[in-house]
């Protein structure tokens, strides 16, 4: 196996570690009724997926106060976790892929715009925390995707330049963020049609790739 170069793997969480797009959307749908927010699925996919909760609330309600943003955000995430709890499951092939990468001593990081409660719900719920050297949540970022900040910080946290890292993403804004950071991007077709994903490689799930696939990108 060709592995002269050290590489690192940077994972988004929602839509990558778990295929949970529909549960986030349903939570927003329920809130849209309560707060009379203007929401449709296309907007969700193209403008909300991958953003921080604050950015999403402001996208839906332009004049929301700081307090409203916080309240709606907390309410939405509690709703989402309750909806998804019975269905929490890793994306197909994830466990063996992570385990394989760990055997090859490839450092891994999760970089998500999700709040820490969702991160612990997902990562502890799946029991995969030990695979990751670092996990960065919405407290680590001031600028949501497509700004590259989250993936720049991820690469720093595992001690590698972005040019030696591969970002796993599902959101259009996230793919942009990974590229802007200078990393290779593997896109999962969980939230969008494959044809919409402008990445170095597009996959349906982790069963379609192995460690050699990663080195081949370089």
N, C-alpha and C. Protein backbone atom coordinates (compact mmCIF):
# COMPACT_ATOMS: atom_id res chain seq x y z
N UNK A 1 0.84 -1.21 0.00
CA UNK A 1 0.00 0.00 0.00
C UNK A 1 0.87 1.25 0.00
N UNK A 2 0.49 2.17 -0.87
CA UNK A 2 1.23 3.42 -0.95
C UNK A 2 0.80 4.33 0.20
N UNK A 3 1.71 4.58 1.13
CA UNK A 3 1.34 5.47 2.24
C UNK A 3 2.55 6.25 2.73
N UNK A 4 3.32 6.76 1.77
CA UNK A 4 4.52 7.54 2.13
C UNK A 4 4.10 8.81 2.85
N UNK A 5 3.00 9.37 2.41
CA UNK A 5 2.55 10.64 2.97
C UNK A 5 1.61 10.40 4.15
N UNK A 6 1.80 11.18 5.20
CA UNK A 6 0.86 11.10 6.32
C UNK A 6 -0.42 11.81 5.92
N UNK A 7 -1.55 11.19 6.21
CA UNK A 7 -2.82 11.84 5.91
C UNK A 7 -3.69 11.88 7.17
N UNK A 8 -4.67 12.79 7.16
CA UNK A 8 -5.63 12.89 8.25
C UNK A 8 -7.03 12.94 7.68
N UNK A 9 -8.00 12.50 8.48
CA UNK A 9 -9.39 12.46 8.03
C UNK A 9 -10.23 13.39 8.89
N UNK A 10 -10.97 14.28 8.24
CA UNK A 10 -11.80 15.27 8.93
C UNK A 10 -13.26 15.02 8.57
N UNK A 11 -14.06 14.68 9.56
CA UNK A 11 -15.45 14.29 9.31
C UNK A 11 -16.44 15.35 9.76
N UNK A 12 -17.35 15.70 8.89
CA UNK A 12 -18.55 16.38 9.33
C UNK A 12 -19.36 15.31 10.09
N UNK A 13 -20.36 15.70 10.86
CA UNK A 13 -21.12 14.70 11.63
C UNK A 13 -22.47 14.37 10.99
N UNK A 14 -23.37 15.36 10.95
CA UNK A 14 -24.72 15.11 10.41
C UNK A 14 -24.65 14.84 8.91
N UNK A 15 -25.26 13.73 8.48
CA UNK A 15 -25.24 13.39 7.07
C UNK A 15 -23.99 12.62 6.66
N UNK A 16 -23.04 12.47 7.59
CA UNK A 16 -21.79 11.75 7.30
C UNK A 16 -21.62 10.58 8.27
N UNK A 17 -21.47 10.89 9.55
CA UNK A 17 -21.37 9.85 10.59
C UNK A 17 -22.73 9.15 10.71
N UNK A 18 -23.79 9.95 10.61
CA UNK A 18 -25.16 9.42 10.63
C UNK A 18 -25.93 10.03 9.47
N UNK A 19 -26.84 9.25 8.91
CA UNK A 19 -27.68 9.75 7.81
C UNK A 19 -29.01 10.21 8.42
N UNK A 20 -29.00 11.45 8.94
CA UNK A 20 -30.10 11.93 9.78
C UNK A 20 -30.81 13.15 9.23
N UNK A 21 -30.53 13.47 7.97
CA UNK A 21 -31.07 14.69 7.34
C UNK A 21 -32.57 14.86 7.60
N UNK A 22 -33.33 13.79 7.38
CA UNK A 22 -34.79 13.89 7.44
C UNK A 22 -35.29 14.24 8.85
N UNK A 23 -34.55 13.81 9.89
CA UNK A 23 -34.98 14.08 11.27
C UNK A 23 -34.74 15.55 11.65
N UNK A 24 -33.65 16.11 11.14
CA UNK A 24 -33.44 17.55 11.35
C UNK A 24 -34.54 18.33 10.64
N UNK A 25 -34.84 17.91 9.43
CA UNK A 25 -35.86 18.62 8.65
C UNK A 25 -37.23 18.54 9.34
N UNK A 26 -37.56 17.35 9.87
CA UNK A 26 -38.85 17.20 10.56
C UNK A 26 -38.93 18.07 11.82
N UNK A 27 -37.80 18.19 12.51
CA UNK A 27 -37.78 19.05 13.71
C UNK A 27 -38.03 20.50 13.30
N UNK A 28 -37.39 20.95 12.21
CA UNK A 28 -37.61 22.31 11.73
C UNK A 28 -39.06 22.50 11.26
N UNK A 29 -39.61 21.47 10.62
CA UNK A 29 -41.01 21.55 10.17
C UNK A 29 -41.95 21.80 11.34
N UNK A 30 -41.74 21.04 12.42
CA UNK A 30 -42.59 21.19 13.61
C UNK A 30 -42.45 22.60 14.19
N UNK A 31 -41.21 23.10 14.24
CA UNK A 31 -40.98 24.45 14.77
C UNK A 31 -41.54 25.53 13.86
N UNK A 32 -41.47 25.28 12.55
CA UNK A 32 -41.99 26.26 11.60
C UNK A 32 -43.45 26.55 11.86
N UNK A 33 -44.19 25.49 12.23
CA UNK A 33 -45.62 25.67 12.56
C UNK A 33 -45.77 26.54 13.82
N UNK A 34 -45.00 26.18 14.85
CA UNK A 34 -45.09 26.90 16.12
C UNK A 34 -44.74 28.37 15.97
N UNK A 35 -43.65 28.64 15.25
CA UNK A 35 -43.13 30.02 15.17
C UNK A 35 -43.46 30.73 13.86
N UNK A 36 -44.29 30.08 13.05
CA UNK A 36 -44.68 30.66 11.78
C UNK A 36 -43.44 31.03 10.94
N UNK A 37 -42.53 30.06 10.82
CA UNK A 37 -41.31 30.27 10.03
C UNK A 37 -41.56 29.81 8.60
N UNK A 38 -40.90 30.48 7.68
CA UNK A 38 -41.07 30.15 6.26
C UNK A 38 -40.03 29.09 5.88
N UNK A 39 -40.48 27.84 5.69
CA UNK A 39 -39.53 26.74 5.49
C UNK A 39 -39.97 25.85 4.34
N UNK A 40 -39.01 25.51 3.46
CA UNK A 40 -39.27 24.44 2.49
C UNK A 40 -38.02 23.59 2.36
N UNK A 41 -38.19 22.38 1.85
CA UNK A 41 -37.08 21.41 1.87
C UNK A 41 -35.90 21.86 1.02
N UNK A 42 -36.18 22.52 -0.08
CA UNK A 42 -35.08 22.98 -0.93
C UNK A 42 -34.21 23.99 -0.20
N UNK A 43 -34.86 24.93 0.50
CA UNK A 43 -34.12 25.89 1.32
C UNK A 43 -33.29 25.16 2.36
N UNK A 44 -33.91 24.15 2.98
CA UNK A 44 -33.19 23.40 4.02
C UNK A 44 -31.91 22.79 3.44
N UNK A 45 -32.05 22.09 2.33
CA UNK A 45 -30.88 21.43 1.72
C UNK A 45 -29.81 22.42 1.29
N UNK A 46 -30.24 23.51 0.68
CA UNK A 46 -29.27 24.41 0.04
C UNK A 46 -28.77 25.54 0.93
N UNK A 47 -29.55 25.95 1.91
CA UNK A 47 -29.16 27.13 2.69
C UNK A 47 -29.00 26.88 4.19
N UNK A 48 -29.53 25.76 4.69
CA UNK A 48 -29.51 25.54 6.13
C UNK A 48 -28.57 24.42 6.54
N UNK A 49 -28.51 23.38 5.73
CA UNK A 49 -27.69 22.21 6.03
C UNK A 49 -26.21 22.60 6.11
N UNK A 50 -25.57 22.33 7.26
CA UNK A 50 -24.15 22.64 7.42
C UNK A 50 -23.88 23.95 8.13
N UNK A 51 -24.92 24.75 8.36
CA UNK A 51 -24.74 26.05 9.01
C UNK A 51 -24.91 25.92 10.53
N UNK A 52 -24.45 26.93 11.26
CA UNK A 52 -24.68 26.93 12.70
C UNK A 52 -26.16 27.18 12.96
N UNK A 53 -26.63 26.77 14.12
CA UNK A 53 -28.04 26.93 14.47
C UNK A 53 -28.46 28.40 14.43
N UNK A 54 -27.57 29.30 14.88
CA UNK A 54 -27.86 30.73 14.87
C UNK A 54 -28.08 31.24 13.45
N UNK A 55 -27.21 30.78 12.53
CA UNK A 55 -27.35 31.20 11.13
C UNK A 55 -28.67 30.70 10.54
N UNK A 56 -29.05 29.48 10.92
CA UNK A 56 -30.29 28.90 10.40
C UNK A 56 -31.51 29.68 10.89
N UNK A 57 -31.55 29.96 12.21
CA UNK A 57 -32.70 30.70 12.76
C UNK A 57 -32.81 32.06 12.08
N UNK A 58 -31.66 32.70 11.88
CA UNK A 58 -31.69 34.03 11.23
C UNK A 58 -32.07 33.94 9.76
N UNK A 59 -31.75 32.82 9.14
CA UNK A 59 -32.17 32.62 7.75
C UNK A 59 -33.69 32.53 7.67
N UNK A 60 -34.28 31.87 8.68
CA UNK A 60 -35.74 31.67 8.68
C UNK A 60 -36.49 32.89 9.21
N UNK A 61 -35.84 33.58 10.15
CA UNK A 61 -36.51 34.73 10.77
C UNK A 61 -35.50 35.87 10.87
N UNK A 62 -35.49 36.68 9.82
CA UNK A 62 -34.44 37.70 9.64
C UNK A 62 -34.23 38.59 10.87
N UNK A 63 -35.33 38.93 11.55
CA UNK A 63 -35.19 39.92 12.64
C UNK A 63 -35.19 39.27 14.02
N UNK A 64 -34.84 37.99 14.10
CA UNK A 64 -34.83 37.29 15.40
C UNK A 64 -33.81 37.93 16.34
N UNK A 65 -34.22 38.12 17.59
CA UNK A 65 -33.29 38.66 18.59
C UNK A 65 -32.35 37.54 19.05
N UNK A 66 -31.28 37.95 19.72
CA UNK A 66 -30.30 37.00 20.26
C UNK A 66 -31.00 35.95 21.12
N UNK A 67 -31.93 36.43 21.93
CA UNK A 67 -32.67 35.56 22.86
C UNK A 67 -33.54 34.54 22.11
N UNK A 68 -34.23 35.04 21.05
CA UNK A 68 -35.08 34.14 20.25
C UNK A 68 -34.24 33.09 19.53
N UNK A 69 -33.12 33.53 19.00
CA UNK A 69 -32.22 32.60 18.31
C UNK A 69 -31.84 31.46 19.25
N UNK A 70 -31.49 31.82 20.47
CA UNK A 70 -31.07 30.83 21.47
C UNK A 70 -32.23 29.89 21.82
N UNK A 71 -33.38 30.48 22.08
CA UNK A 71 -34.54 29.69 22.51
C UNK A 71 -35.00 28.72 21.41
N UNK A 72 -35.15 29.26 20.19
CA UNK A 72 -35.60 28.42 19.07
C UNK A 72 -34.56 27.33 18.80
N UNK A 73 -33.28 27.70 18.88
CA UNK A 73 -32.20 26.74 18.64
C UNK A 73 -32.24 25.57 19.61
N UNK A 74 -32.36 25.87 20.89
CA UNK A 74 -32.39 24.82 21.92
C UNK A 74 -33.60 23.92 21.72
N UNK A 75 -34.74 24.55 21.47
CA UNK A 75 -35.99 23.81 21.29
C UNK A 75 -35.90 22.86 20.09
N UNK A 76 -35.32 23.37 19.01
CA UNK A 76 -35.20 22.56 17.79
C UNK A 76 -34.32 21.34 18.03
N UNK A 77 -33.20 21.53 18.73
CA UNK A 77 -32.27 20.40 18.92
C UNK A 77 -32.85 19.34 19.86
N UNK A 78 -33.60 19.77 20.87
CA UNK A 78 -34.25 18.80 21.77
C UNK A 78 -35.26 17.97 20.97
N UNK A 79 -36.01 18.66 20.14
CA UNK A 79 -37.00 18.02 19.28
C UNK A 79 -36.33 17.00 18.35
N UNK A 80 -35.24 17.45 17.72
CA UNK A 80 -34.49 16.58 16.80
C UNK A 80 -34.00 15.31 17.51
N UNK A 81 -33.39 15.48 18.71
CA UNK A 81 -32.85 14.31 19.42
C UNK A 81 -33.95 13.34 19.81
N UNK A 82 -35.11 13.87 20.23
CA UNK A 82 -36.24 13.01 20.58
C UNK A 82 -36.74 12.23 19.36
N UNK A 83 -36.79 12.90 18.21
CA UNK A 83 -37.25 12.25 16.98
C UNK A 83 -36.28 11.16 16.51
N UNK A 84 -34.97 11.47 16.60
CA UNK A 84 -33.97 10.58 16.01
C UNK A 84 -33.53 9.45 16.96
N UNK A 85 -33.70 9.67 18.26
CA UNK A 85 -33.23 8.70 19.28
C UNK A 85 -33.53 7.23 18.91
N UNK A 86 -34.78 6.87 18.55
CA UNK A 86 -35.06 5.45 18.28
C UNK A 86 -34.39 4.93 17.00
N UNK A 87 -33.88 5.84 16.17
CA UNK A 87 -33.33 5.42 14.87
C UNK A 87 -31.83 5.65 14.75
N UNK A 88 -31.21 6.13 15.83
CA UNK A 88 -29.78 6.46 15.80
C UNK A 88 -28.95 5.27 15.33
N UNK A 89 -28.27 5.44 14.23
CA UNK A 89 -27.49 4.34 13.66
C UNK A 89 -26.37 4.92 12.79
N UNK A 90 -25.19 4.28 12.75
CA UNK A 90 -24.11 4.84 11.93
C UNK A 90 -24.37 4.64 10.44
N UNK A 91 -23.81 5.51 9.63
CA UNK A 91 -23.88 5.35 8.18
C UNK A 91 -23.24 4.01 7.81
N UNK A 92 -23.81 3.33 6.84
CA UNK A 92 -23.35 1.99 6.44
C UNK A 92 -21.83 1.97 6.21
N UNK A 93 -21.18 0.98 6.82
CA UNK A 93 -19.74 0.79 6.62
C UNK A 93 -18.86 1.65 7.51
N UNK A 94 -19.47 2.53 8.32
CA UNK A 94 -18.66 3.49 9.11
C UNK A 94 -17.74 2.80 10.11
N UNK A 95 -18.29 1.87 10.91
CA UNK A 95 -17.49 1.25 11.97
C UNK A 95 -16.23 0.58 11.42
N UNK A 96 -16.39 -0.24 10.39
CA UNK A 96 -15.21 -0.96 9.90
C UNK A 96 -14.23 0.01 9.24
N UNK A 97 -14.76 1.06 8.61
CA UNK A 97 -13.87 2.06 7.99
C UNK A 97 -13.05 2.78 9.06
N UNK A 98 -13.69 3.21 10.15
CA UNK A 98 -12.97 3.90 11.24
C UNK A 98 -11.94 2.99 11.87
N UNK A 99 -12.35 1.75 12.07
CA UNK A 99 -11.46 0.79 12.71
C UNK A 99 -10.23 0.52 11.83
N UNK A 100 -10.44 0.44 10.54
CA UNK A 100 -9.37 0.25 9.57
C UNK A 100 -8.41 1.43 9.56
N UNK A 101 -8.98 2.64 9.57
CA UNK A 101 -8.16 3.86 9.58
C UNK A 101 -7.34 3.93 10.85
N UNK A 102 -7.95 3.53 11.96
CA UNK A 102 -7.23 3.54 13.25
C UNK A 102 -6.06 2.55 13.23
N UNK A 103 -6.28 1.38 12.64
CA UNK A 103 -5.20 0.38 12.52
C UNK A 103 -4.03 0.93 11.71
N UNK A 104 -4.33 1.79 10.73
CA UNK A 104 -3.28 2.39 9.92
C UNK A 104 -2.74 3.68 10.54
N UNK A 105 -3.13 3.92 11.79
CA UNK A 105 -2.65 5.09 12.55
C UNK A 105 -2.90 6.42 11.83
N UNK A 106 -4.07 6.50 11.19
CA UNK A 106 -4.46 7.75 10.52
C UNK A 106 -5.25 8.60 11.52
N UNK A 107 -4.75 9.79 11.86
CA UNK A 107 -5.47 10.62 12.84
C UNK A 107 -6.79 11.14 12.27
N UNK A 108 -7.82 11.19 13.12
CA UNK A 108 -9.15 11.59 12.67
C UNK A 108 -9.76 12.63 13.60
N UNK A 109 -10.56 13.50 13.01
CA UNK A 109 -11.21 14.56 13.77
C UNK A 109 -12.64 14.73 13.27
N UNK A 110 -13.56 15.08 14.17
CA UNK A 110 -14.91 15.48 13.74
C UNK A 110 -14.99 16.99 13.85
N UNK A 111 -15.50 17.63 12.80
CA UNK A 111 -15.69 19.08 12.80
C UNK A 111 -17.11 19.38 12.39
N UNK A 112 -17.92 19.81 13.34
CA UNK A 112 -19.35 19.99 13.06
C UNK A 112 -19.85 21.33 13.57
N UNK A 113 -20.88 21.85 12.91
CA UNK A 113 -21.50 23.09 13.40
C UNK A 113 -22.64 22.77 14.36
N UNK A 114 -22.77 21.48 14.72
CA UNK A 114 -23.80 21.07 15.69
C UNK A 114 -23.39 21.46 17.11
N UNK A 115 -24.39 21.67 17.99
CA UNK A 115 -24.07 21.97 19.40
C UNK A 115 -23.56 20.74 20.14
N UNK A 116 -22.87 20.98 21.26
CA UNK A 116 -22.22 19.88 22.00
C UNK A 116 -23.22 18.80 22.44
N UNK A 117 -24.47 19.19 22.73
CA UNK A 117 -25.47 18.20 23.16
C UNK A 117 -25.74 17.19 22.03
N UNK A 118 -25.82 17.67 20.79
CA UNK A 118 -26.04 16.77 19.66
C UNK A 118 -24.82 15.89 19.41
N UNK A 119 -23.64 16.47 19.62
CA UNK A 119 -22.40 15.71 19.41
C UNK A 119 -22.33 14.56 20.41
N UNK A 120 -22.59 14.84 21.67
CA UNK A 120 -22.50 13.76 22.66
C UNK A 120 -23.63 12.75 22.46
N UNK A 121 -24.82 13.21 22.08
CA UNK A 121 -25.93 12.32 21.76
C UNK A 121 -25.52 11.34 20.65
N UNK A 122 -24.87 11.85 19.61
CA UNK A 122 -24.50 11.03 18.45
C UNK A 122 -23.28 10.16 18.74
N UNK A 123 -22.20 10.79 19.19
CA UNK A 123 -20.92 10.08 19.33
C UNK A 123 -20.98 9.07 20.48
N UNK A 124 -21.54 9.48 21.63
CA UNK A 124 -21.68 8.54 22.75
C UNK A 124 -22.73 7.48 22.44
N UNK A 125 -23.80 7.92 21.76
CA UNK A 125 -24.86 6.98 21.39
C UNK A 125 -24.35 5.86 20.50
N UNK A 126 -23.41 6.19 19.61
CA UNK A 126 -22.84 5.18 18.70
C UNK A 126 -21.61 4.50 19.29
N UNK A 127 -21.06 5.10 20.35
CA UNK A 127 -19.86 4.52 20.99
C UNK A 127 -18.63 4.58 20.09
N UNK A 128 -18.42 5.73 19.40
CA UNK A 128 -17.28 5.81 18.47
C UNK A 128 -16.26 6.89 18.84
N UNK A 129 -16.44 7.49 20.00
CA UNK A 129 -15.56 8.60 20.41
C UNK A 129 -14.08 8.25 20.40
N UNK A 130 -13.74 6.99 20.73
CA UNK A 130 -12.33 6.58 20.84
C UNK A 130 -11.58 6.59 19.51
N UNK A 131 -12.30 6.67 18.40
CA UNK A 131 -11.64 6.69 17.10
C UNK A 131 -11.05 8.07 16.77
N UNK A 132 -11.55 9.11 17.45
CA UNK A 132 -11.21 10.47 17.04
C UNK A 132 -10.24 11.13 17.99
N UNK A 133 -9.19 11.72 17.40
CA UNK A 133 -8.19 12.42 18.20
C UNK A 133 -8.81 13.67 18.81
N UNK A 134 -9.66 14.35 18.02
CA UNK A 134 -10.31 15.57 18.49
C UNK A 134 -11.73 15.66 17.93
N UNK A 135 -12.60 16.37 18.65
CA UNK A 135 -13.97 16.60 18.18
C UNK A 135 -14.28 18.08 18.41
N UNK A 136 -14.55 18.81 17.33
CA UNK A 136 -14.86 20.23 17.43
C UNK A 136 -16.33 20.46 17.11
N UNK A 137 -17.02 21.21 17.99
CA UNK A 137 -18.44 21.48 17.76
C UNK A 137 -18.66 22.98 17.52
N UNK A 138 -19.91 23.43 17.62
CA UNK A 138 -20.20 24.83 17.26
C UNK A 138 -19.50 25.86 18.15
N UNK A 139 -18.97 25.41 19.30
CA UNK A 139 -18.25 26.36 20.17
C UNK A 139 -16.88 26.72 19.58
N UNK A 140 -16.39 25.89 18.65
CA UNK A 140 -15.06 26.11 18.06
C UNK A 140 -15.08 27.06 16.88
N UNK A 141 -16.28 27.39 16.39
CA UNK A 141 -16.33 28.20 15.17
C UNK A 141 -17.07 29.51 15.37
N UNK A 142 -16.54 30.55 14.73
CA UNK A 142 -17.25 31.83 14.71
C UNK A 142 -17.91 32.01 13.36
N UNK A 143 -17.37 31.33 12.34
CA UNK A 143 -17.92 31.44 10.99
C UNK A 143 -18.37 30.06 10.51
N UNK A 144 -19.67 29.94 10.18
CA UNK A 144 -20.19 28.65 9.69
C UNK A 144 -19.69 28.35 8.28
N UNK A 145 -19.87 27.11 7.86
CA UNK A 145 -19.54 26.74 6.48
C UNK A 145 -20.44 27.57 5.54
N UNK A 146 -20.00 27.95 4.36
CA UNK A 146 -18.83 27.50 3.59
C UNK A 146 -17.49 28.11 3.98
N UNK A 147 -17.43 28.91 5.05
CA UNK A 147 -16.12 29.40 5.51
C UNK A 147 -15.28 28.20 5.94
N UNK A 148 -14.00 28.18 5.60
CA UNK A 148 -13.16 27.01 5.89
C UNK A 148 -12.71 26.87 7.35
N UNK A 149 -13.10 27.82 8.22
CA UNK A 149 -12.57 27.85 9.59
C UNK A 149 -12.61 26.50 10.30
N UNK A 150 -13.76 25.82 10.25
CA UNK A 150 -13.89 24.56 11.01
C UNK A 150 -12.86 23.53 10.55
N UNK A 151 -12.62 23.43 9.24
CA UNK A 151 -11.68 22.42 8.75
C UNK A 151 -10.22 22.85 8.90
N UNK A 152 -9.98 24.15 8.94
CA UNK A 152 -8.63 24.63 9.26
C UNK A 152 -8.30 24.26 10.71
N UNK A 153 -9.27 24.46 11.60
CA UNK A 153 -9.05 24.13 13.02
C UNK A 153 -8.93 22.63 13.23
N UNK A 154 -9.71 21.85 12.47
CA UNK A 154 -9.62 20.39 12.56
C UNK A 154 -8.21 19.91 12.21
N UNK A 155 -7.69 20.41 11.09
CA UNK A 155 -6.36 19.99 10.63
C UNK A 155 -5.30 20.36 11.68
N UNK A 156 -5.41 21.58 12.20
CA UNK A 156 -4.48 22.02 13.26
C UNK A 156 -4.54 21.06 14.44
N UNK A 157 -5.77 20.67 14.80
CA UNK A 157 -5.95 19.86 16.01
C UNK A 157 -5.34 18.47 15.88
N UNK A 158 -5.15 17.98 14.64
CA UNK A 158 -4.50 16.67 14.49
C UNK A 158 -3.05 16.82 13.99
N UNK A 159 -2.60 18.09 13.92
CA UNK A 159 -1.20 18.35 13.62
C UNK A 159 -0.78 18.13 12.18
N UNK A 160 -1.70 18.33 11.25
CA UNK A 160 -1.36 18.17 9.82
C UNK A 160 -1.83 19.38 9.03
N UNK A 161 -1.14 19.69 7.91
CA UNK A 161 -1.65 20.76 7.06
C UNK A 161 -2.91 20.30 6.34
N UNK A 162 -3.79 21.21 5.99
CA UNK A 162 -5.03 20.85 5.30
C UNK A 162 -4.78 20.09 4.00
N UNK A 163 -3.67 20.41 3.34
CA UNK A 163 -3.35 19.76 2.06
C UNK A 163 -3.13 18.26 2.21
N UNK A 164 -2.90 17.79 3.43
CA UNK A 164 -2.70 16.35 3.67
C UNK A 164 -3.95 15.71 4.29
N UNK A 165 -5.06 16.46 4.29
CA UNK A 165 -6.28 15.95 4.92
C UNK A 165 -7.38 15.71 3.89
N UNK A 166 -8.28 14.77 4.24
CA UNK A 166 -9.47 14.51 3.44
C UNK A 166 -10.68 14.85 4.30
N UNK A 167 -11.56 15.66 3.75
CA UNK A 167 -12.79 16.05 4.43
C UNK A 167 -13.94 15.17 3.93
N UNK A 168 -14.75 14.65 4.86
CA UNK A 168 -15.96 13.89 4.51
C UNK A 168 -17.16 14.78 4.77
N UNK A 169 -17.94 15.04 3.74
CA UNK A 169 -19.04 16.01 3.83
C UNK A 169 -20.27 15.52 3.07
N UNK A 170 -21.42 16.08 3.42
CA UNK A 170 -22.64 15.82 2.64
C UNK A 170 -23.27 17.12 2.16
N UNK A 171 -23.00 18.23 2.87
CA UNK A 171 -23.65 19.50 2.56
C UNK A 171 -22.86 20.29 1.52
N UNK A 172 -23.57 21.02 0.67
CA UNK A 172 -22.91 21.83 -0.36
C UNK A 172 -21.98 22.86 0.28
N UNK A 173 -22.46 23.49 1.36
CA UNK A 173 -21.63 24.49 2.06
C UNK A 173 -20.40 23.84 2.68
N UNK A 174 -20.54 22.59 3.12
CA UNK A 174 -19.43 21.87 3.74
C UNK A 174 -18.37 21.46 2.73
N UNK A 175 -18.82 21.03 1.55
CA UNK A 175 -17.89 20.66 0.47
C UNK A 175 -17.06 21.89 0.10
N UNK A 176 -17.75 23.01 -0.01
CA UNK A 176 -17.06 24.29 -0.31
C UNK A 176 -16.04 24.63 0.77
N UNK A 177 -16.43 24.42 2.02
CA UNK A 177 -15.54 24.73 3.15
C UNK A 177 -14.28 23.85 3.11
N UNK A 178 -14.47 22.56 2.83
CA UNK A 178 -13.34 21.64 2.76
C UNK A 178 -12.37 22.04 1.66
N UNK A 179 -12.92 22.39 0.50
CA UNK A 179 -12.07 22.80 -0.63
C UNK A 179 -11.35 24.12 -0.33
N UNK A 180 -12.11 25.05 0.27
CA UNK A 180 -11.52 26.36 0.59
C UNK A 180 -10.38 26.21 1.59
N UNK A 181 -10.45 25.18 2.42
CA UNK A 181 -9.38 24.94 3.39
C UNK A 181 -8.15 24.32 2.72
N UNK A 182 -8.34 23.81 1.48
CA UNK A 182 -7.21 23.21 0.76
C UNK A 182 -7.15 21.69 0.87
N UNK A 183 -8.22 21.09 1.37
CA UNK A 183 -8.25 19.62 1.56
C UNK A 183 -8.93 18.93 0.38
N UNK A 184 -8.67 17.62 0.26
CA UNK A 184 -9.45 16.79 -0.66
C UNK A 184 -10.82 16.59 0.00
N UNK A 185 -11.86 16.39 -0.82
CA UNK A 185 -13.20 16.21 -0.26
C UNK A 185 -13.86 14.97 -0.83
N UNK A 186 -14.32 14.10 0.07
CA UNK A 186 -15.16 12.96 -0.31
C UNK A 186 -16.58 13.31 0.13
N UNK A 187 -17.51 13.32 -0.83
CA UNK A 187 -18.89 13.69 -0.52
C UNK A 187 -19.77 12.46 -0.41
N UNK A 188 -20.63 12.45 0.63
CA UNK A 188 -21.61 11.38 0.78
C UNK A 188 -22.95 11.86 0.23
N UNK A 189 -23.56 11.03 -0.61
CA UNK A 189 -24.82 11.42 -1.24
C UNK A 189 -26.00 11.09 -0.34
N UNK A 190 -25.98 11.66 0.88
CA UNK A 190 -27.06 11.41 1.84
C UNK A 190 -28.09 12.54 1.81
N UNK A 191 -27.66 13.76 1.50
CA UNK A 191 -28.57 14.91 1.53
C UNK A 191 -28.89 15.47 0.15
N UNK A 192 -28.05 15.13 -0.83
CA UNK A 192 -28.22 15.67 -2.19
C UNK A 192 -28.06 14.57 -3.22
N UNK A 193 -28.56 14.82 -4.43
CA UNK A 193 -28.30 13.93 -5.56
C UNK A 193 -26.80 13.93 -5.84
N UNK A 194 -26.28 12.80 -6.30
CA UNK A 194 -24.85 12.70 -6.60
C UNK A 194 -24.39 13.80 -7.56
N UNK A 195 -25.23 14.10 -8.55
CA UNK A 195 -24.85 15.06 -9.59
C UNK A 195 -24.63 16.48 -9.03
N UNK A 196 -25.20 16.75 -7.85
CA UNK A 196 -25.06 18.09 -7.26
C UNK A 196 -23.76 18.24 -6.46
N UNK A 197 -23.06 17.12 -6.25
CA UNK A 197 -21.91 17.13 -5.34
C UNK A 197 -20.60 17.29 -6.12
N UNK A 198 -20.01 18.44 -5.97
CA UNK A 198 -18.78 18.76 -6.68
C UNK A 198 -17.58 18.47 -5.79
N UNK A 199 -17.20 17.18 -5.69
CA UNK A 199 -16.14 16.76 -4.78
C UNK A 199 -15.11 15.92 -5.52
N UNK A 200 -14.01 15.57 -4.84
CA UNK A 200 -12.97 14.73 -5.46
C UNK A 200 -13.47 13.31 -5.68
N UNK A 201 -14.40 12.89 -4.82
CA UNK A 201 -14.98 11.56 -4.92
C UNK A 201 -16.37 11.62 -4.30
N UNK A 202 -17.34 10.95 -4.91
CA UNK A 202 -18.71 10.91 -4.35
C UNK A 202 -19.05 9.46 -4.04
N UNK A 203 -19.53 9.20 -2.83
CA UNK A 203 -19.89 7.85 -2.41
C UNK A 203 -21.29 7.86 -1.79
N UNK A 204 -21.91 6.68 -1.74
CA UNK A 204 -23.21 6.57 -1.05
C UNK A 204 -23.00 6.33 0.44
N UNK A 205 -21.95 5.56 0.77
CA UNK A 205 -21.65 5.25 2.17
C UNK A 205 -20.21 4.73 2.26
N UNK A 206 -19.78 4.40 3.48
CA UNK A 206 -18.38 4.03 3.71
C UNK A 206 -18.00 2.62 3.25
N UNK A 207 -19.01 1.82 2.90
CA UNK A 207 -18.70 0.46 2.43
C UNK A 207 -18.06 0.51 1.04
N UNK A 208 -18.13 1.68 0.38
CA UNK A 208 -17.62 1.80 -1.00
C UNK A 208 -16.14 2.19 -1.08
N UNK A 209 -15.53 2.47 0.07
CA UNK A 209 -14.12 2.90 0.04
C UNK A 209 -13.28 2.12 1.05
N UNK A 210 -11.96 2.16 0.83
CA UNK A 210 -11.03 1.56 1.79
C UNK A 210 -9.83 2.49 1.94
N UNK A 211 -8.83 2.05 2.66
CA UNK A 211 -7.68 2.92 2.95
C UNK A 211 -6.92 3.28 1.66
N UNK A 212 -6.78 2.34 0.76
CA UNK A 212 -6.11 2.63 -0.50
C UNK A 212 -6.82 3.75 -1.28
N UNK A 213 -8.15 3.74 -1.24
CA UNK A 213 -8.93 4.79 -1.92
C UNK A 213 -8.47 6.17 -1.45
N UNK A 214 -8.19 6.27 -0.14
CA UNK A 214 -7.79 7.55 0.43
C UNK A 214 -6.45 8.02 -0.15
N UNK A 215 -5.45 7.10 -0.16
CA UNK A 215 -4.13 7.47 -0.68
C UNK A 215 -4.21 7.77 -2.17
N UNK A 216 -5.09 7.10 -2.88
CA UNK A 216 -5.21 7.31 -4.33
C UNK A 216 -5.66 8.74 -4.66
N UNK A 217 -6.33 9.39 -3.72
CA UNK A 217 -6.77 10.77 -3.97
C UNK A 217 -5.59 11.74 -4.11
N UNK A 218 -4.45 11.33 -3.54
CA UNK A 218 -3.26 12.20 -3.59
C UNK A 218 -2.35 11.80 -4.74
